[in-house]
Amino acid sequence: MKKLSVIAFGGNALLRGDQVGTIDEQEQNVYETCQHLVPLIKSGYDIVIGHGNGPQVGNVLLQHEAGNQVFGLPKQPIDFCVAETQGSIGFMIEQQLRNVLRENGIERNIVTLVTQVVVDKKDPAFSKPNKPVGPFYTKEQADQMAAENNWVFHEDPRKRGWRRVVASPRPVEIPNWKAVEKLAREGNIVITVGGGGIPAYYDEKGKMIGIDAVIDKDLASSLLAAKIKADEFCILTDVTNVFINFHKPGEQKLERVTIEEIKKHLADGQFTEGSMAPKVRACIEFVENGGVDAIITEAKELGKEGKGTVIHK
């Protein structure tokens, strides 16, 4: 049986820190990221792609806010905006990946699925929003918008500015995971759980209802990877490896580490919340739920021997 890999595109695959987010910028970034998938595809991997949407969903929320203030258009909730970005980002990935495959003489179907992900309405995350969305602001801008809209802002751990934060509950269920697995194992490249999935919950009558939140895309991709019994789960980010003592004396690159080792580093506070810590947790969960290797690395390292940081049992 061919190997199945779930690959979570990080924000850097879509939008770089010094960019404003034009369609040309985003398409070029996606194109470059997709080029790095070619070695895996040529080696026979079946591939499922997840992706983030933090900057994009934040911008869509601002667009709804502006449309309401200027034209009186009704604002839509966050789950609706996540669905919008799933469609738009999925379109970009599918289009640019098709271009890359054509240039390399590869024939593969690509399917983008708008995906709902179930969360627990009583998740404590709803009382402690911490998921960054949208662009960076100065402290003064953040304070003004917080006062005007009752929004919550946190300072970026890397001191790049202030960003709005929203609730980020844990993913509990992905209703269409069986369809994803079937499509992927038939050789189709599947783009799914975009932005962590459209957040929803079941009410007391079993009805599915959307809810204001943004689910962590790495946790959602990890859950999906475990459900479809992927051989490999890979998170693409803007560094080649995970480090301990990052940017400090004694900095050390991690290559192959066991769950026990990485858990100790996590407990010691080696990884920043809102940055590397959620990625490490997502990898731990994948391996603990039956996965073989979980990898954190840059897109350009895909397909290389000894690529990135590999977390295993």
C-alpha atoms as a PDB file:
ATOM      1  CA  MET A   1       0.000   0.000   0.000  1.00  0.00           C
ATOM      2  CA  LYS A   2       1.250   3.489  -0.844  1.00  0.00           C
ATOM      3  CA  LYS A   3       2.158   5.802   2.013  1.00  0.00           C
ATOM      4  CA  LEU A   4      -0.346   8.465   3.028  1.00  0.00           C
ATOM      5  CA  SER A   5       0.862  11.830   4.292  1.00  0.00           C
ATOM      6  CA  VAL A   6      -1.180  14.664   5.810  1.00  0.00           C
ATOM      7  CA  ILE A   7       0.605  17.987   5.305  1.00  0.00           C
ATOM      8  CA  ALA A   8      -0.484  21.124   7.167  1.00  0.00           C
ATOM      9  CA  PHE A   9       0.484  24.320   5.368  1.00  0.00           C
ATOM     10  CA  GLY A  10       1.539  27.034   7.802  1.00  0.00           C
ATOM     11  CA  GLY A  11       0.802  30.729   7.416  1.00  0.00           C
ATOM     12  CA  ASN A  12       4.142  31.287   5.689  1.00  0.00           C
ATOM     13  CA  ALA A  13       2.954  29.080   2.823  1.00  0.00           C
ATOM     14  CA  LEU A  14       0.219  31.624   2.116  1.00  0.00           C
ATOM     15  CA  LEU A  15       1.345  35.016   3.355  1.00  0.00           C
ATOM     16  CA  ARG A  16       4.750  36.291   4.485  1.00  0.00           C
ATOM     17  CA  GLY A  17       5.206  38.677   7.378  1.00  0.00           C
ATOM     18  CA  ASP A  18       6.291  41.623   5.208  1.00  0.00           C
ATOM     19  CA  GLN A  19       3.441  41.276   2.690  1.00  0.00           C
ATOM     20  CA  VAL A  20       0.038  42.964   2.551  1.00  0.00           C
ATOM     21  CA  GLY A  21      -1.813  39.950   1.134  1.00  0.00           C
ATOM     22  CA  THR A  22      -2.542  40.730  -2.509  1.00  0.00           C
ATOM     23  CA  ILE A  23      -3.757  37.838  -4.632  1.00  0.00           C
ATOM     24  CA  ASP A  24      -0.472  37.910  -6.576  1.00  0.00           C
ATOM     25  CA  GLU A  25       1.569  37.590  -3.365  1.00  0.00           C
ATOM     26  CA  GLN A  26      -0.533  34.750  -2.005  1.00  0.00           C
ATOM     27  CA  GLU A  27      -0.620  32.810  -5.272  1.00  0.00           C
ATOM     28  CA  GLN A  28       3.161  33.087  -5.654  1.00  0.00           C
ATOM     29  CA  ASN A  29       3.709  31.869  -2.084  1.00  0.00           C
ATOM     30  CA  VAL A  30       1.347  28.928  -2.607  1.00  0.00           C
ATOM     31  CA  TYR A  31       2.984  28.092  -5.933  1.00  0.00           C
ATOM     32  CA  GLU A  32       6.443  27.978  -4.316  1.00  0.00           C
ATOM     33  CA  THR A  33       5.173  25.793  -1.467  1.00  0.00           C
ATOM     34  CA  CYS A  34       3.449  23.392  -3.859  1.00  0.00           C
ATOM     35  CA  GLN A  35       6.674  22.964  -5.811  1.00  0.00           C
ATOM     36  CA  HIS A  36       8.155  21.307  -2.727  1.00  0.00           C
ATOM     37  CA  LEU A  37       5.435  18.635  -2.795  1.00  0.00           C
ATOM     38  CA  VAL A  38       6.690  17.255  -6.131  1.00  0.00           C
ATOM     39  CA  PRO A  39       9.348  14.883  -4.704  1.00  0.00           C
ATOM     40  CA  LEU A  40       6.771  13.283  -2.381  1.00  0.00           C
ATOM     41  CA  ILE A  41       4.211  12.932  -5.161  1.00  0.00           C
ATOM     42  CA  LYS A  42       6.786  11.484  -7.550  1.00  0.00           C
ATOM     43  CA  SER A  43       7.827   8.962  -4.910  1.00  0.00           C
ATOM     44  CA  GLY A  44       4.239   7.683  -4.792  1.00  0.00           C
ATOM     45  CA  TYR A  45       2.797   9.326  -1.691  1.00  0.00           C
ATOM     46  CA  ASP A  46      -0.928   9.915  -1.391  1.00  0.00           C
ATOM     47  CA  ILE A  47      -1.391  13.409   0.035  1.00  0.00           C
ATOM     48  CA  VAL A  48      -3.952  15.303   2.093  1.00  0.00           C
ATOM     49  CA  ILE A  49      -3.382  19.036   2.613  1.00  0.00           C
ATOM     50  CA  GLY A  50      -4.628  21.107   5.546  1.00  0.00           C
ATOM     51  CA  HIS A  51      -3.967  24.823   5.875  1.00  0.00           C
ATOM     52  CA  GLY A  52      -4.236  27.796   8.180  1.00  0.00           C
ATOM     53  CA  ASN A  53      -6.245  30.981   7.638  1.00  0.00           C
ATOM     54  CA  GLY A  54      -5.283  33.317  10.485  1.00  0.00           C
ATOM     55  CA  PRO A  55      -4.447  36.453   8.462  1.00  0.00           C
ATOM     56  CA  GLN A  56      -7.155  35.784   5.876  1.00  0.00           C
ATOM     57  CA  VAL A  57     -10.060  35.183   8.273  1.00  0.00           C
ATOM     58  CA  GLY A  58      -9.052  38.258  10.248  1.00  0.00           C
ATOM     59  CA  ASN A  59      -9.137  40.329   7.080  1.00  0.00           C
ATOM     60  CA  VAL A  60     -12.538  38.911   6.098  1.00  0.00           C
ATOM     61  CA  LEU A  61     -13.894  39.833   9.537  1.00  0.00           C
ATOM     62  CA  LEU A  62     -12.627  43.385   9.021  1.00  0.00           C
ATOM     63  CA  GLN A  63     -14.269  43.489   5.590  1.00  0.00           C
ATOM     64  CA  HIS A  64     -17.601  42.512   7.118  1.00  0.00           C
ATOM     65  CA  GLU A  65     -17.116  45.139   9.813  1.00  0.00           C
ATOM     66  CA  ALA A  66     -16.364  47.846   7.241  1.00  0.00           C
ATOM     67  CA  GLY A  67     -19.288  46.784   5.061  1.00  0.00           C
ATOM     68  CA  ASN A  68     -21.590  47.080   8.044  1.00  0.00           C
ATOM     69  CA  GLN A  69     -20.339  50.509   9.060  1.00  0.00           C
ATOM     70  CA  VAL A  70     -20.235  52.040   5.569  1.00  0.00           C
ATOM     71  CA  PHE A  71     -23.100  50.328   3.738  1.00  0.00           C
ATOM     72  CA  GLY A  72     -25.193  48.815   6.521  1.00  0.00           C
ATOM     73  CA  LEU A  73     -24.553  45.278   5.285  1.00  0.00           C
ATOM     74  CA  PRO A  74     -25.142  42.575   7.905  1.00  0.00           C
ATOM     75  CA  LYS A  75     -21.993  41.251   9.577  1.00  0.00           C
ATOM     76  CA  GLN A  76     -21.537  37.500   9.345  1.00  0.00           C
ATOM     77  CA  PRO A  77     -20.269  35.306  12.235  1.00  0.00           C
ATOM     78  CA  ILE A  78     -16.783  33.852  12.443  1.00  0.00           C
ATOM     79  CA  ASP A  79     -17.811  30.347  11.323  1.00  0.00           C
ATOM     80  CA  PHE A  80     -19.241  31.864   8.123  1.00  0.00           C
ATOM     81  CA  CYS A  81     -15.979  33.764   7.567  1.00  0.00           C
ATOM     82  CA  VAL A  82     -13.962  30.570   8.124  1.00  0.00           C
ATOM     83  CA  ALA A  83     -16.071  28.941   5.405  1.00  0.00           C
ATOM     84  CA  GLU A  84     -15.301  31.863   3.083  1.00  0.00           C
ATOM     85  CA  THR A  85     -11.571  31.485   3.624  1.00  0.00           C
ATOM     86  CA  GLN A  86     -11.726  27.703   3.237  1.00  0.00           C
ATOM     87  CA  GLY A  87     -13.126  28.239  -0.218  1.00  0.00           C
ATOM     88  CA  SER A  88     -10.770  31.041  -1.265  1.00  0.00           C
ATOM     89  CA  ILE A  89      -7.577  29.470   0.096  1.00  0.00           C
ATOM     90  CA  GLY A  90      -8.560  26.015  -1.157  1.00  0.00           C
ATOM     91  CA  PHE A  91      -9.056  27.559  -4.599  1.00  0.00           C
ATOM     92  CA  MET A  92      -5.560  29.084  -4.516  1.00  0.00           C
ATOM     93  CA  ILE A  93      -3.879  25.861  -3.382  1.00  0.00           C
ATOM     94  CA  GLU A  94      -5.767  23.741  -5.905  1.00  0.00           C
ATOM     95  CA  GLN A  95      -5.056  26.113  -8.782  1.00  0.00           C
ATOM     96  CA  GLN A  96      -1.348  26.552  -8.070  1.00  0.00           C
ATOM     97  CA  LEU A  97      -0.838  22.843  -7.356  1.00  0.00           C
ATOM     98  CA  ARG A  98      -2.457  22.036 -10.705  1.00  0.00           C
ATOM     99  CA  ASN A  99       0.019  24.400 -12.366  1.00  0.00           C
ATOM    100  CA  VAL A 100       2.948  22.739 -10.586  1.00  0.00           C
ATOM    101  CA  LEU A 101       1.784  19.216 -11.489  1.00  0.00           C
ATOM    102  CA  ARG A 102       1.275  20.178 -15.122  1.00  0.00           C
ATOM    103  CA  GLU A 103       4.783  21.651 -15.336  1.00  0.00           C
ATOM    104  CA  ASN A 104       6.184  18.394 -13.935  1.00  0.00           C
ATOM    105  CA  GLY A 105       4.137  16.094 -16.163  1.00  0.00           C
ATOM    106  CA  ILE A 106       2.170  14.629 -13.238  1.00  0.00           C
ATOM    107  CA  GLU A 107      -1.459  13.540 -13.587  1.00  0.00           C
ATOM    108  CA  ARG A 108      -3.416  13.739 -10.319  1.00  0.00           C
ATOM    109  CA  ASN A 109      -6.950  14.805  -9.461  1.00  0.00           C
ATOM    110  CA  ILE A 110      -7.175  17.533  -6.799  1.00  0.00           C
ATOM    111  CA  VAL A 111     -10.288  17.890  -4.652  1.00  0.00           C
ATOM    112  CA  THR A 112     -11.039  20.775  -2.265  1.00  0.00           C
ATOM    113  CA  LEU A 113     -13.578  19.937   0.450  1.00  0.00           C
ATOM    114  CA  VAL A 114     -15.377  22.534   2.539  1.00  0.00           C
ATOM    115  CA  THR A 115     -15.132  20.818   5.922  1.00  0.00           C
ATOM    116  CA  GLN A 116     -16.976  21.304   9.175  1.00  0.00           C
ATOM    117  CA  VAL A 117     -15.232  20.278  12.399  1.00  0.00           C
ATOM    118  CA  VAL A 118     -17.186  19.581  15.573  1.00  0.00           C
ATOM    119  CA  VAL A 119     -16.163  21.164  18.885  1.00  0.00           C
ATOM    120  CA  ASP A 120     -17.566  21.074  22.426  1.00  0.00           C
ATOM    121  CA  LYS A 121     -19.680  24.159  23.126  1.00  0.00           C
ATOM    122  CA  LYS A 122     -18.551  23.941  26.776  1.00  0.00           C
ATOM    123  CA  ASP A 123     -14.849  23.970  25.858  1.00  0.00           C
ATOM    124  CA  PRO A 124     -13.064  26.323  28.308  1.00  0.00           C
ATOM    125  CA  ALA A 125     -11.386  28.013  25.316  1.00  0.00           C
ATOM    126  CA  PHE A 126     -14.563  30.040  24.793  1.00  0.00           C
ATOM    127  CA  SER A 127     -13.886  31.914  28.027  1.00  0.00           C
ATOM    128  CA  LYS A 128     -10.176  32.419  27.246  1.00  0.00           C
ATOM    129  CA  PRO A 129      -9.682  33.500  23.594  1.00  0.00           C
ATOM    130  CA  ASN A 130      -6.081  33.026  22.442  1.00  0.00           C
ATOM    131  CA  LYS A 131      -6.121  32.236  18.704  1.00  0.00           C
ATOM    132  CA  PRO A 132      -4.561  35.096  16.660  1.00  0.00           C
ATOM    133  CA  VAL A 133      -6.450  36.225  13.549  1.00  0.00           C
ATOM    134  CA  GLY A 134      -5.871  39.080  11.152  1.00  0.00           C
ATOM    135  CA  PRO A 135      -2.934  41.484  10.745  1.00  0.00           C
ATOM    136  CA  PHE A 136      -0.585  42.989  13.307  1.00  0.00           C
ATOM    137  CA  TYR A 137      -1.451  46.347  14.866  1.00  0.00           C
ATOM    138  CA  THR A 138       0.253  48.885  17.093  1.00  0.00           C
ATOM    139  CA  LYS A 139      -0.805  48.971  20.742  1.00  0.00           C
ATOM    140  CA  GLU A 140      -2.752  52.174  20.098  1.00  0.00           C
ATOM    141  CA  GLN A 141      -4.661  50.690  17.146  1.00  0.00           C
ATOM    142  CA  ALA A 142      -5.437  47.516  19.100  1.00  0.00           C
ATOM    143  CA  ASP A 143      -6.725  49.471  22.098  1.00  0.00           C
ATOM    144  CA  GLN A 144      -9.011  51.548  19.882  1.00  0.00           C
ATOM    145  CA  MET A 145     -10.522  48.534  18.094  1.00  0.00           C
ATOM    146  CA  ALA A 146     -10.909  46.654  21.372  1.00  0.00           C
ATOM    147  CA  ALA A 147     -12.914  49.566  22.783  1.00  0.00           C
ATOM    148  CA  GLU A 148     -15.044  49.987  19.646  1.00  0.00           C
ATOM    149  CA  ASN A 149     -15.832  46.316  18.990  1.00  0.00           C
ATOM    150  CA  ASN A 150     -15.373  44.552  22.331  1.00  0.00           C
ATOM    151  CA  TRP A 151     -12.558  42.510  20.767  1.00  0.00           C
ATOM    152  CA  VAL A 152      -9.599  40.980  22.612  1.00  0.00           C
ATOM    153  CA  PHE A 153      -5.992  41.595  21.513  1.00  0.00           C
ATOM    154  CA  HIS A 154      -2.726  39.932  22.588  1.00  0.00           C
ATOM    155  CA  GLU A 155       0.826  40.962  21.883  1.00  0.00           C
ATOM    156  CA  ASP A 156       2.685  38.682  19.477  1.00  0.00           C
ATOM    157  CA  PRO A 157       5.341  36.524  21.248  1.00  0.00           C
ATOM    158  CA  ARG A 158       7.906  37.662  18.656  1.00  0.00           C
ATOM    159  CA  LYS A 159       7.102  41.323  19.319  1.00  0.00           C
ATOM    160  CA  ARG A 160       5.761  41.974  15.811  1.00  0.00           C
ATOM    161  CA  GLY A 161       2.730  43.861  17.119  1.00  0.00           C
ATOM    162  CA  TRP A 162      -0.732  43.144  18.511  1.00  0.00           C
ATOM    163  CA  ARG A 163      -3.302  40.784  16.971  1.00  0.00           C
ATOM    164  CA  ARG A 164      -6.946  40.073  17.644  1.00  0.00           C
ATOM    165  CA  VAL A 165      -7.513  36.729  19.393  1.00  0.00           C
ATOM    166  CA  VAL A 166     -10.633  34.559  19.311  1.00  0.00           C
ATOM    167  CA  ALA A 167     -11.682  31.298  20.954  1.00  0.00           C
ATOM    168  CA  SER A 168      -9.841  28.192  19.747  1.00  0.00           C
ATOM    169  CA  PRO A 169     -11.636  25.070  21.041  1.00  0.00           C
ATOM    170  CA  ARG A 170     -10.215  21.601  20.526  1.00  0.00           C
ATOM    171  CA  PRO A 171     -11.469  19.680  17.491  1.00  0.00           C
ATOM    172  CA  VAL A 172     -13.578  16.698  18.559  1.00  0.00           C
ATOM    173  CA  GLU A 173     -14.924  15.180  15.359  1.00  0.00           C
ATOM    174  CA  ILE A 174     -14.463  15.513  11.587  1.00  0.00           C
ATOM    175  CA  PRO A 175     -17.732  14.236  10.110  1.00  0.00           C
ATOM    176  CA  ASN A 176     -16.445  13.507   6.599  1.00  0.00           C
ATOM    177  CA  TRP A 177     -13.104  11.880   7.435  1.00  0.00           C
ATOM    178  CA  LYS A 178     -14.136   8.621   5.751  1.00  0.00           C
ATOM    179  CA  ALA A 179     -14.729  10.447   2.474  1.00  0.00           C
ATOM    180  CA  VAL A 180     -11.322  12.136   2.795  1.00  0.00           C
ATOM    181  CA  GLU A 181      -9.597   8.795   3.369  1.00  0.00           C
ATOM    182  CA  LYS A 182     -11.372   7.130   0.442  1.00  0.00           C
ATOM    183  CA  LEU A 183     -10.526   9.947  -1.958  1.00  0.00           C
ATOM    184  CA  ALA A 184      -6.891  10.119  -0.815  1.00  0.00           C
ATOM    185  CA  ARG A 185      -6.254   6.366  -0.986  1.00  0.00           C
ATOM    186  CA  GLU A 186      -7.693   6.352  -4.505  1.00  0.00           C
ATOM    187  CA  GLY A 187      -4.864   8.711  -5.480  1.00  0.00           C
ATOM    188  CA  ASN A 188      -6.673  12.039  -5.323  1.00  0.00           C
ATOM    189  CA  ILE A 189      -4.940  14.946  -3.596  1.00  0.00           C
ATOM    190  CA  VAL A 190      -7.418  16.269  -1.015  1.00  0.00           C
ATOM    191  CA  ILE A 191      -7.429  19.787   0.451  1.00  0.00           C
ATOM    192  CA  THR A 192      -9.503  19.804   3.633  1.00  0.00           C
ATOM    193  CA  VAL A 193      -9.903  21.061   7.259  1.00  0.00           C
ATOM    194  CA  GLY A 194      -8.910  24.498   5.962  1.00  0.00           C
ATOM    195  CA  GLY A 195      -8.329  26.980   8.754  1.00  0.00           C
ATOM    196  CA  GLY A 196      -8.847  24.125  11.200  1.00  0.00           C
ATOM    197  CA  GLY A 197     -12.317  23.483   9.805  1.00  0.00           C
ATOM    198  CA  ILE A 198     -15.583  25.388  10.091  1.00  0.00           C
ATOM    199  CA  PRO A 199     -16.390  25.265  13.832  1.00  0.00           C
ATOM    200  CA  ALA A 200     -19.718  23.677  14.733  1.00  0.00           C
ATOM    201  CA  TYR A 201     -21.377  21.822  17.604  1.00  0.00           C
ATOM    202  CA  TYR A 202     -24.355  19.528  18.121  1.00  0.00           C
ATOM    203  CA  ASP A 203     -27.210  20.887  20.217  1.00  0.00           C
ATOM    204  CA  GLU A 204     -29.314  18.782  22.572  1.00  0.00           C
ATOM    205  CA  LYS A 205     -31.475  17.639  19.639  1.00  0.00           C
ATOM    206  CA  GLY A 206     -28.468  16.569  17.577  1.00  0.00           C
ATOM    207  CA  LYS A 207     -28.673  19.526  15.202  1.00  0.00           C
ATOM    208  CA  MET A 208     -25.340  20.841  13.906  1.00  0.00           C
ATOM    209  CA  ILE A 209     -24.909  24.589  14.500  1.00  0.00           C
ATOM    210  CA  GLY A 210     -22.010  26.914  13.681  1.00  0.00           C
ATOM    211  CA  ILE A 211     -20.188  28.683  16.504  1.00  0.00           C
ATOM    212  CA  ASP A 212     -17.839  31.682  16.751  1.00  0.00           C
ATOM    213  CA  ALA A 213     -14.307  30.264  16.931  1.00  0.00           C
ATOM    214  CA  VAL A 214     -11.220  29.432  14.898  1.00  0.00           C
ATOM    215  CA  ILE A 215      -9.878  25.911  15.411  1.00  0.00           C
ATOM    216  CA  ASP A 216      -6.133  25.348  15.422  1.00  0.00           C
ATOM    217  CA  LYS A 217      -5.283  23.965  11.995  1.00  0.00           C
ATOM    218  CA  ASP A 218      -2.485  21.752  13.321  1.00  0.00           C
ATOM    219  CA  LEU A 219      -4.741  20.039  15.879  1.00  0.00           C
ATOM    220  CA  ALA A 220      -7.476  19.543  13.277  1.00  0.00           C
ATOM    221  CA  SER A 221      -4.989  18.168  10.745  1.00  0.00           C
ATOM    222  CA  SER A 222      -3.507  15.897  13.432  1.00  0.00           C
ATOM    223  CA  LEU A 223      -6.950  14.536  14.327  1.00  0.00           C
ATOM    224  CA  LEU A 224      -7.687  13.904  10.652  1.00  0.00           C
ATOM    225  CA  ALA A 225      -4.300  12.234  10.110  1.00  0.00           C
ATOM    226  CA  ALA A 226      -4.973   9.842  12.992  1.00  0.00           C
ATOM    227  CA  LYS A 227      -8.512   9.070  11.822  1.00  0.00           C
ATOM    228  CA  ILE A 228      -7.433   8.194   8.268  1.00  0.00           C
ATOM    229  CA  LYS A 229      -4.424   6.232   9.574  1.00  0.00           C
ATOM    230  CA  ALA A 230      -1.863   8.347   7.766  1.00  0.00           C
ATOM    231  CA  ASP A 231       1.718   7.090   7.862  1.00  0.00           C
ATOM    232  CA  GLU A 232       3.085  10.579   8.261  1.00  0.00           C
ATOM    233  CA  PHE A 233       1.877  13.929   9.571  1.00  0.00           C
ATOM    234  CA  CYS A 234       3.884  16.979   8.561  1.00  0.00           C
ATOM    235  CA  ILE A 235       3.524  20.578   9.734  1.00  0.00           C
ATOM    236  CA  LEU A 236       5.149  23.154   7.469  1.00  0.00           C
ATOM    237  CA  THR A 237       6.416  26.266   9.207  1.00  0.00           C
ATOM    238  CA  ASP A 238       9.086  28.957   8.742  1.00  0.00           C
ATOM    239  CA  VAL A 239      11.996  27.081  10.388  1.00  0.00           C
ATOM    240  CA  THR A 240      13.766  23.886   9.314  1.00  0.00           C
ATOM    241  CA  ASN A 241      13.634  22.320  12.783  1.00  0.00           C
ATOM    242  CA  VAL A 242      12.282  22.657  16.280  1.00  0.00           C
ATOM    243  CA  PHE A 243      14.874  24.104  18.689  1.00  0.00           C
ATOM    244  CA  ILE A 244      15.332  24.173  22.418  1.00  0.00           C
ATOM    245  CA  ASN A 245      16.789  27.355  23.925  1.00  0.00           C
ATOM    246  CA  PHE A 246      15.668  29.053  20.705  1.00  0.00           C
ATOM    247  CA  HIS A 247      17.658  32.269  20.158  1.00  0.00           C
ATOM    248  CA  LYS A 248      19.297  31.760  23.553  1.00  0.00           C
ATOM    249  CA  PRO A 249      22.649  30.455  24.790  1.00  0.00           C
ATOM    250  CA  GLY A 250      22.803  26.690  24.316  1.00  0.00           C
ATOM    251  CA  GLU A 251      20.419  26.690  21.350  1.00  0.00           C
ATOM    252  CA  GLN A 252      20.013  23.119  20.064  1.00  0.00           C
ATOM    253  CA  LYS A 253      18.342  21.771  16.957  1.00  0.00           C
ATOM    254  CA  LEU A 254      16.099  18.742  17.473  1.00  0.00           C
ATOM    255  CA  GLU A 255      16.225  16.069  14.777  1.00  0.00           C
ATOM    256  CA  ARG A 256      14.747  12.684  15.803  1.00  0.00           C
ATOM    257  CA  VAL A 257      13.073  12.825  19.214  1.00  0.00           C
ATOM    258  CA  THR A 258      10.763  10.505  21.110  1.00  0.00           C
ATOM    259  CA  ILE A 259       7.416  11.540  22.548  1.00  0.00           C
ATOM    260  CA  GLU A 260       8.908  11.367  26.047  1.00  0.00           C
ATOM    261  CA  GLU A 261      11.739  13.735  25.109  1.00  0.00           C
ATOM    262  CA  ILE A 262       9.519  16.297  23.395  1.00  0.00           C
ATOM    263  CA  LYS A 263       6.974  16.180  26.236  1.00  0.00           C
ATOM    264  CA  LYS A 264       9.739  17.036  28.716  1.00  0.00           C
ATOM    265  CA  HIS A 265      10.829  20.013  26.610  1.00  0.00           C
ATOM    266  CA  LEU A 266       7.183  21.121  26.346  1.00  0.00           C
ATOM    267  CA  ALA A 267       6.692  20.868  30.108  1.00  0.00           C
ATOM    268  CA  ASP A 268       9.920  22.849  30.630  1.00  0.00           C
ATOM    269  CA  GLY A 269       8.452  25.752  28.657  1.00  0.00           C
ATOM    270  CA  GLN A 270      10.830  25.429  25.724  1.00  0.00           C
ATOM    271  CA  PHE A 271       8.125  26.171  23.142  1.00  0.00           C
ATOM    272  CA  THR A 272       6.134  29.383  22.873  1.00  0.00           C
ATOM    273  CA  GLU A 273       2.349  29.291  23.126  1.00  0.00           C
ATOM    274  CA  GLY A 274       0.763  30.657  19.968  1.00  0.00           C
ATOM    275  CA  SER A 275       3.823  29.551  17.999  1.00  0.00           C
ATOM    276  CA  MET A 276       5.679  26.231  18.333  1.00  0.00           C
ATOM    277  CA  ALA A 277       3.896  24.724  21.353  1.00  0.00           C
ATOM    278  CA  PRO A 278       0.597  23.958  19.526  1.00  0.00           C
ATOM    279  CA  LYS A 279       2.537  22.348  16.675  1.00  0.00           C
ATOM    280  CA  VAL A 280       4.418  20.108  19.087  1.00  0.00           C
ATOM    281  CA  ARG A 281       1.179  19.107  20.826  1.00  0.00           C
ATOM    282  CA  ALA A 282      -0.450  18.264  17.495  1.00  0.00           C
ATOM    283  CA  CYS A 283       2.487  16.015  16.596  1.00  0.00           C
ATOM    284  CA  ILE A 284       2.402  14.280  19.994  1.00  0.00           C
ATOM    285  CA  GLU A 285      -1.314  13.566  19.599  1.00  0.00           C
ATOM    286  CA  PHE A 286      -0.829  12.094  16.135  1.00  0.00           C
ATOM    287  CA  VAL A 287       1.873   9.663  17.280  1.00  0.00           C
ATOM    288  CA  GLU A 288       0.004   8.763  20.472  1.00  0.00           C
ATOM    289  CA  ASN A 289      -3.088   7.962  18.388  1.00  0.00           C
ATOM    290  CA  GLY A 290      -1.318   5.444  16.164  1.00  0.00           C
ATOM    291  CA  GLY A 291       0.755   7.559  13.796  1.00  0.00           C
ATOM    292  CA  VAL A 292       4.322   6.654  12.892  1.00  0.00           C
ATOM    293  CA  ASP A 293       6.239   9.882  12.274  1.00  0.00           C
ATOM    294  CA  ALA A 294       5.213  13.489  12.883  1.00  0.00           C
ATOM    295  CA  ILE A 295       7.431  16.100  11.267  1.00  0.00           C
ATOM    296  CA  ILE A 296       7.879  19.843  11.756  1.00  0.00           C
ATOM    297  CA  THR A 297       9.945  21.577   9.080  1.00  0.00           C
ATOM    298  CA  GLU A 298      10.109  24.068   6.215  1.00  0.00           C
ATOM    299  CA  ALA A 299       8.470  23.280   2.883  1.00  0.00           C
ATOM    300  CA  LYS A 300      11.834  23.171   1.095  1.00  0.00           C
ATOM    301  CA  GLU A 301      12.908  20.267   3.319  1.00  0.00           C
ATOM    302  CA  LEU A 302      10.102  17.974   2.133  1.00  0.00           C
ATOM    303  CA  GLY A 303      11.337  14.818   0.444  1.00  0.00           C
ATOM    304  CA  LYS A 304      14.859  15.175   1.844  1.00  0.00           C
ATOM    305  CA  GLU A 305      16.586  12.518   3.903  1.00  0.00           C
ATOM    306  CA  GLY A 306      16.591  13.454   7.576  1.00  0.00           C
ATOM    307  CA  LYS A 307      14.104  16.242   6.994  1.00  0.00           C
ATOM    308  CA  GLY A 308      13.204  18.564   9.871  1.00  0.00           C
ATOM    309  CA  THR A 309      12.316  17.467  13.381  1.00  0.00           C
ATOM    310  CA  VAL A 310      10.793  13.981  13.504  1.00  0.00           C
ATOM    311  CA  ILE A 311       8.726  13.012  16.549  1.00  0.00           C
ATOM    312  CA  HIS A 312       8.214   9.281  17.041  1.00  0.00           C
ATOM    313  CA  LYS A 313       7.454   6.666  19.685  1.00  0.00           C
END
